């Protein structure tokens, strides 16, 4: 297996416990939900977050829409910050657990292109949680976490 970075595993064999790997979802809850460009993996990607057509700031106080896991990842980081702002005593690992345990499960198949072949696979096969972040559910769960 070839090394890929960033990676939750340390060189000495340890694992970063609060590390979250994010995939990008599209705007429609249908077969196109997984963004065509997104990473995925049933044992490597933790959760998905919106990553298509996301408003972002650009120079000269302007905005532009972008796609990418680089747009989805800040959604998850922002959710972590929101949780910590309301519940500052939660550890980073607890915040991760809240995010992963409060996802909106996706119970349908999505289109996946592997090489030249397109096939349908259950969304649950694309990430560890089988879902997309849900801020409302996350805050509800965080309130119950001690």
C-alpha atoms as a PDB file:
ATOM      1  CA  UNK A   1       0.000   0.000   0.000  1.00  0.00           C
ATOM      2  CA  UNK A   2       1.403   3.341  -1.044  1.00  0.00           C
ATOM      3  CA  UNK A   3       1.407   6.109   1.562  1.00  0.00           C
ATOM      4  CA  UNK A   4      -1.091   8.919   1.045  1.00  0.00           C
ATOM      5  CA  UNK A   5      -1.089  12.211   2.936  1.00  0.00           C
ATOM      6  CA  UNK A   6      -2.600  13.637   5.002  1.00  0.00           C
ATOM      7  CA  UNK A   7      -3.068  10.468   7.013  1.00  0.00           C
ATOM      8  CA  UNK A   8      -4.468   9.742  10.477  1.00  0.00           C
ATOM      9  CA  UNK A   9      -1.633   7.256  11.129  1.00  0.00           C
ATOM     10  CA  UNK A  10       1.643   8.431  12.630  1.00  0.00           C
ATOM     11  CA  UNK A  11       4.973   7.165  11.340  1.00  0.00           C
ATOM     12  CA  UNK A  12       5.577   5.264  14.575  1.00  0.00           C
ATOM     13  CA  UNK A  13       2.305   3.351  14.251  1.00  0.00           C
ATOM     14  CA  UNK A  14      -0.005   5.548  16.334  1.00  0.00           C
ATOM     15  CA  UNK A  15      -3.348   6.889  15.158  1.00  0.00           C
ATOM     16  CA  UNK A  16      -4.706  10.419  15.619  1.00  0.00           C
ATOM     17  CA  UNK A  17      -7.950   9.844  17.520  1.00  0.00           C
ATOM     18  CA  UNK A  18      -9.690  13.106  16.635  1.00  0.00           C
ATOM     19  CA  UNK A  19      -8.807  13.065  12.917  1.00  0.00           C
ATOM     20  CA  UNK A  20     -11.772  13.165  10.496  1.00  0.00           C
ATOM     21  CA  UNK A  21     -11.550  12.259   6.793  1.00  0.00           C
ATOM     22  CA  UNK A  22     -14.241  14.027   4.763  1.00  0.00           C
ATOM     23  CA  UNK A  23     -15.838  13.204   1.414  1.00  0.00           C
ATOM     24  CA  UNK A  24     -17.833  15.684  -0.667  1.00  0.00           C
ATOM     25  CA  UNK A  25     -21.548  15.398  -1.299  1.00  0.00           C
ATOM     26  CA  UNK A  26     -23.592  17.152  -3.942  1.00  0.00           C
ATOM     27  CA  UNK A  27     -26.809  19.125  -3.547  1.00  0.00           C
ATOM     28  CA  UNK A  28     -29.326  16.427  -4.549  1.00  0.00           C
ATOM     29  CA  UNK A  29     -30.343  13.456  -2.416  1.00  0.00           C
ATOM     30  CA  UNK A  30     -30.362  11.073  -5.369  1.00  0.00           C
ATOM     31  CA  UNK A  31     -27.922   8.860  -7.289  1.00  0.00           C
ATOM     32  CA  UNK A  32     -25.639  11.871  -7.801  1.00  0.00           C
ATOM     33  CA  UNK A  33     -25.270  12.565  -4.058  1.00  0.00           C
ATOM     34  CA  UNK A  34     -21.595  11.545  -4.015  1.00  0.00           C
ATOM     35  CA  UNK A  35     -19.716  14.294  -5.834  1.00  0.00           C
ATOM     36  CA  UNK A  36     -18.057  12.797  -8.901  1.00  0.00           C
ATOM     37  CA  UNK A  37     -14.597  14.020  -7.829  1.00  0.00           C
ATOM     38  CA  UNK A  38     -14.828  12.992  -4.177  1.00  0.00           C
ATOM     39  CA  UNK A  39     -12.672  10.535  -2.316  1.00  0.00           C
ATOM     40  CA  UNK A  40     -14.514   7.637  -0.718  1.00  0.00           C
ATOM     41  CA  UNK A  41     -13.833   4.454   1.205  1.00  0.00           C
ATOM     42  CA  UNK A  42     -15.837   2.293   3.577  1.00  0.00           C
ATOM     43  CA  UNK A  43     -12.895   2.097   5.998  1.00  0.00           C
ATOM     44  CA  UNK A  44     -10.993   5.295   5.176  1.00  0.00           C
ATOM     45  CA  UNK A  45     -13.497   8.177   4.812  1.00  0.00           C
ATOM     46  CA  UNK A  46     -15.415   9.034   7.976  1.00  0.00           C
ATOM     47  CA  UNK A  47     -18.245  11.233   6.775  1.00  0.00           C
ATOM     48  CA  UNK A  48     -19.510  13.313   3.861  1.00  0.00           C
ATOM     49  CA  UNK A  49     -20.366  17.024   3.840  1.00  0.00           C
ATOM     50  CA  UNK A  50     -21.570  19.474   1.163  1.00  0.00           C
ATOM     51  CA  UNK A  51     -18.793  20.142  -1.326  1.00  0.00           C
ATOM     52  CA  UNK A  52     -20.457  21.184  -4.593  1.00  0.00           C
ATOM     53  CA  UNK A  53     -21.228  24.761  -5.613  1.00  0.00           C
ATOM     54  CA  UNK A  54     -20.137  26.189  -2.248  1.00  0.00           C
ATOM     55  CA  UNK A  55     -19.863  29.965  -1.856  1.00  0.00           C
ATOM     56  CA  UNK A  56     -16.366  30.987  -0.819  1.00  0.00           C
ATOM     57  CA  UNK A  57     -14.507  34.239  -0.377  1.00  0.00           C
ATOM     58  CA  UNK A  58     -11.956  35.411  -2.929  1.00  0.00           C
ATOM     59  CA  UNK A  59      -9.704  38.486  -3.087  1.00  0.00           C
ATOM     60  CA  UNK A  60     -11.156  41.996  -3.356  1.00  0.00           C
ATOM     61  CA  UNK A  61     -14.045  41.204  -0.968  1.00  0.00           C
ATOM     62  CA  UNK A  62     -15.796  39.023  -3.545  1.00  0.00           C
ATOM     63  CA  UNK A  63     -17.347  35.577  -3.607  1.00  0.00           C
ATOM     64  CA  UNK A  64     -17.139  32.641  -5.983  1.00  0.00           C
ATOM     65  CA  UNK A  65     -18.582  29.130  -6.022  1.00  0.00           C
ATOM     66  CA  UNK A  66     -16.178  26.202  -5.784  1.00  0.00           C
ATOM     67  CA  UNK A  67     -16.325  22.407  -5.662  1.00  0.00           C
ATOM     68  CA  UNK A  68     -14.130  19.992  -3.753  1.00  0.00           C
ATOM     69  CA  UNK A  69     -13.374  18.176  -0.582  1.00  0.00           C
ATOM     70  CA  UNK A  70     -11.571  21.439   0.201  1.00  0.00           C
ATOM     71  CA  UNK A  71     -15.061  22.945   0.446  1.00  0.00           C
ATOM     72  CA  UNK A  72     -16.550  19.996   2.375  1.00  0.00           C
ATOM     73  CA  UNK A  73     -13.807  19.776   4.980  1.00  0.00           C
ATOM     74  CA  UNK A  74     -14.391  23.335   6.297  1.00  0.00           C
ATOM     75  CA  UNK A  75     -18.073  22.457   6.771  1.00  0.00           C
ATOM     76  CA  UNK A  76     -16.997  19.737   9.200  1.00  0.00           C
ATOM     77  CA  UNK A  77     -14.394  21.979  10.854  1.00  0.00           C
ATOM     78  CA  UNK A  78     -17.062  24.663  11.266  1.00  0.00           C
ATOM     79  CA  UNK A  79     -19.414  22.125  12.825  1.00  0.00           C
ATOM     80  CA  UNK A  80     -16.669  21.081  15.249  1.00  0.00           C
ATOM     81  CA  UNK A  81     -16.120  24.739  16.164  1.00  0.00           C
ATOM     82  CA  UNK A  82     -19.867  25.263  16.651  1.00  0.00           C
ATOM     83  CA  UNK A  83     -20.047  22.256  18.964  1.00  0.00           C
ATOM     84  CA  UNK A  84     -17.017  23.440  20.966  1.00  0.00           C
ATOM     85  CA  UNK A  85     -18.455  26.963  21.241  1.00  0.00           C
ATOM     86  CA  UNK A  86     -21.574  25.609  22.965  1.00  0.00           C
ATOM     87  CA  UNK A  87     -19.863  22.752  24.809  1.00  0.00           C
ATOM     88  CA  UNK A  88     -16.251  23.835  25.470  1.00  0.00           C
ATOM     89  CA  UNK A  89     -15.613  21.033  27.978  1.00  0.00           C
ATOM     90  CA  UNK A  90     -15.954  18.342  25.303  1.00  0.00           C
ATOM     91  CA  UNK A  91     -12.635  16.906  24.174  1.00  0.00           C
ATOM     92  CA  UNK A  92     -11.645  16.823  20.508  1.00  0.00           C
ATOM     93  CA  UNK A  93     -12.329  13.065  20.485  1.00  0.00           C
ATOM     94  CA  UNK A  94     -15.782  13.624  21.975  1.00  0.00           C
ATOM     95  CA  UNK A  95     -16.533  16.254  19.318  1.00  0.00           C
ATOM     96  CA  UNK A  96     -15.463  13.820  16.608  1.00  0.00           C
ATOM     97  CA  UNK A  97     -17.687  11.123  18.083  1.00  0.00           C
ATOM     98  CA  UNK A  98     -20.627  13.550  18.206  1.00  0.00           C
ATOM     99  CA  UNK A  99     -20.131  14.492  14.544  1.00  0.00           C
ATOM    100  CA  UNK A 100     -19.841  10.876  13.399  1.00  0.00           C
ATOM    101  CA  UNK A 101     -22.725   9.586  15.530  1.00  0.00           C
ATOM    102  CA  UNK A 102     -25.174  12.298  14.445  1.00  0.00           C
ATOM    103  CA  UNK A 103     -24.951  11.958  10.664  1.00  0.00           C
ATOM    104  CA  UNK A 104     -27.937  11.825   8.384  1.00  0.00           C
ATOM    105  CA  UNK A 105     -27.809   8.232   7.141  1.00  0.00           C
ATOM    106  CA  UNK A 106     -28.202   7.784   3.383  1.00  0.00           C
ATOM    107  CA  UNK A 107     -30.208   4.694   2.551  1.00  0.00           C
ATOM    108  CA  UNK A 108     -30.004   4.599  -1.226  1.00  0.00           C
ATOM    109  CA  UNK A 109     -27.546   3.824  -3.969  1.00  0.00           C
ATOM    110  CA  UNK A 110     -25.327   6.377  -5.670  1.00  0.00           C
ATOM    111  CA  UNK A 111     -23.465   6.415  -8.934  1.00  0.00           C
ATOM    112  CA  UNK A 112     -19.789   5.581  -8.727  1.00  0.00           C
ATOM    113  CA  UNK A 113     -17.343   5.678 -11.607  1.00  0.00           C
ATOM    114  CA  UNK A 114     -14.477   3.195 -11.382  1.00  0.00           C
ATOM    115  CA  UNK A 115     -12.143   3.604 -14.346  1.00  0.00           C
ATOM    116  CA  UNK A 116     -14.412   3.677 -17.370  1.00  0.00           C
ATOM    117  CA  UNK A 117     -17.204   1.745 -15.661  1.00  0.00           C
ATOM    118  CA  UNK A 118     -20.172   3.399 -13.929  1.00  0.00           C
ATOM    119  CA  UNK A 119     -22.038   1.406 -11.316  1.00  0.00           C
ATOM    120  CA  UNK A 120     -24.524   1.894  -8.501  1.00  0.00           C
ATOM    121  CA  UNK A 121     -23.414   1.199  -4.953  1.00  0.00           C
ATOM    122  CA  UNK A 122     -25.040   1.770  -1.558  1.00  0.00           C
ATOM    123  CA  UNK A 123     -23.962   5.130  -0.144  1.00  0.00           C
ATOM    124  CA  UNK A 124     -23.220   3.253   3.097  1.00  0.00           C
ATOM    125  CA  UNK A 125     -20.295   1.602   1.257  1.00  0.00           C
ATOM    126  CA  UNK A 126     -18.617   4.985   0.660  1.00  0.00           C
ATOM    127  CA  UNK A 127     -17.761   5.956   4.230  1.00  0.00           C
ATOM    128  CA  UNK A 128     -17.524   4.640   7.772  1.00  0.00           C
ATOM    129  CA  UNK A 129     -20.684   6.401   9.003  1.00  0.00           C
ATOM    130  CA  UNK A 130     -22.779   5.958   5.869  1.00  0.00           C
ATOM    131  CA  UNK A 131     -23.983   9.530   6.158  1.00  0.00           C
ATOM    132  CA  UNK A 132     -23.688  13.267   5.792  1.00  0.00           C
ATOM    133  CA  UNK A 133     -23.029  15.676   8.660  1.00  0.00           C
ATOM    134  CA  UNK A 134     -26.085  17.134  10.372  1.00  0.00           C
ATOM    135  CA  UNK A 135     -25.452  20.189  12.546  1.00  0.00           C
ATOM    136  CA  UNK A 136     -28.837  20.074  14.274  1.00  0.00           C
ATOM    137  CA  UNK A 137     -28.482  16.420  15.279  1.00  0.00           C
ATOM    138  CA  UNK A 138     -24.866  17.036  16.301  1.00  0.00           C
ATOM    139  CA  UNK A 139     -25.832  19.819  18.707  1.00  0.00           C
ATOM    140  CA  UNK A 140     -28.608  17.657  20.157  1.00  0.00           C
ATOM    141  CA  UNK A 141     -26.165  14.800  20.727  1.00  0.00           C
ATOM    142  CA  UNK A 142     -23.491  17.128  22.134  1.00  0.00           C
ATOM    143  CA  UNK A 143     -25.985  18.366  24.736  1.00  0.00           C
ATOM    144  CA  UNK A 144     -26.329  14.776  25.971  1.00  0.00           C
ATOM    145  CA  UNK A 145     -22.572  14.075  25.974  1.00  0.00           C
ATOM    146  CA  UNK A 146     -20.757  14.550  29.230  1.00  0.00           C
END
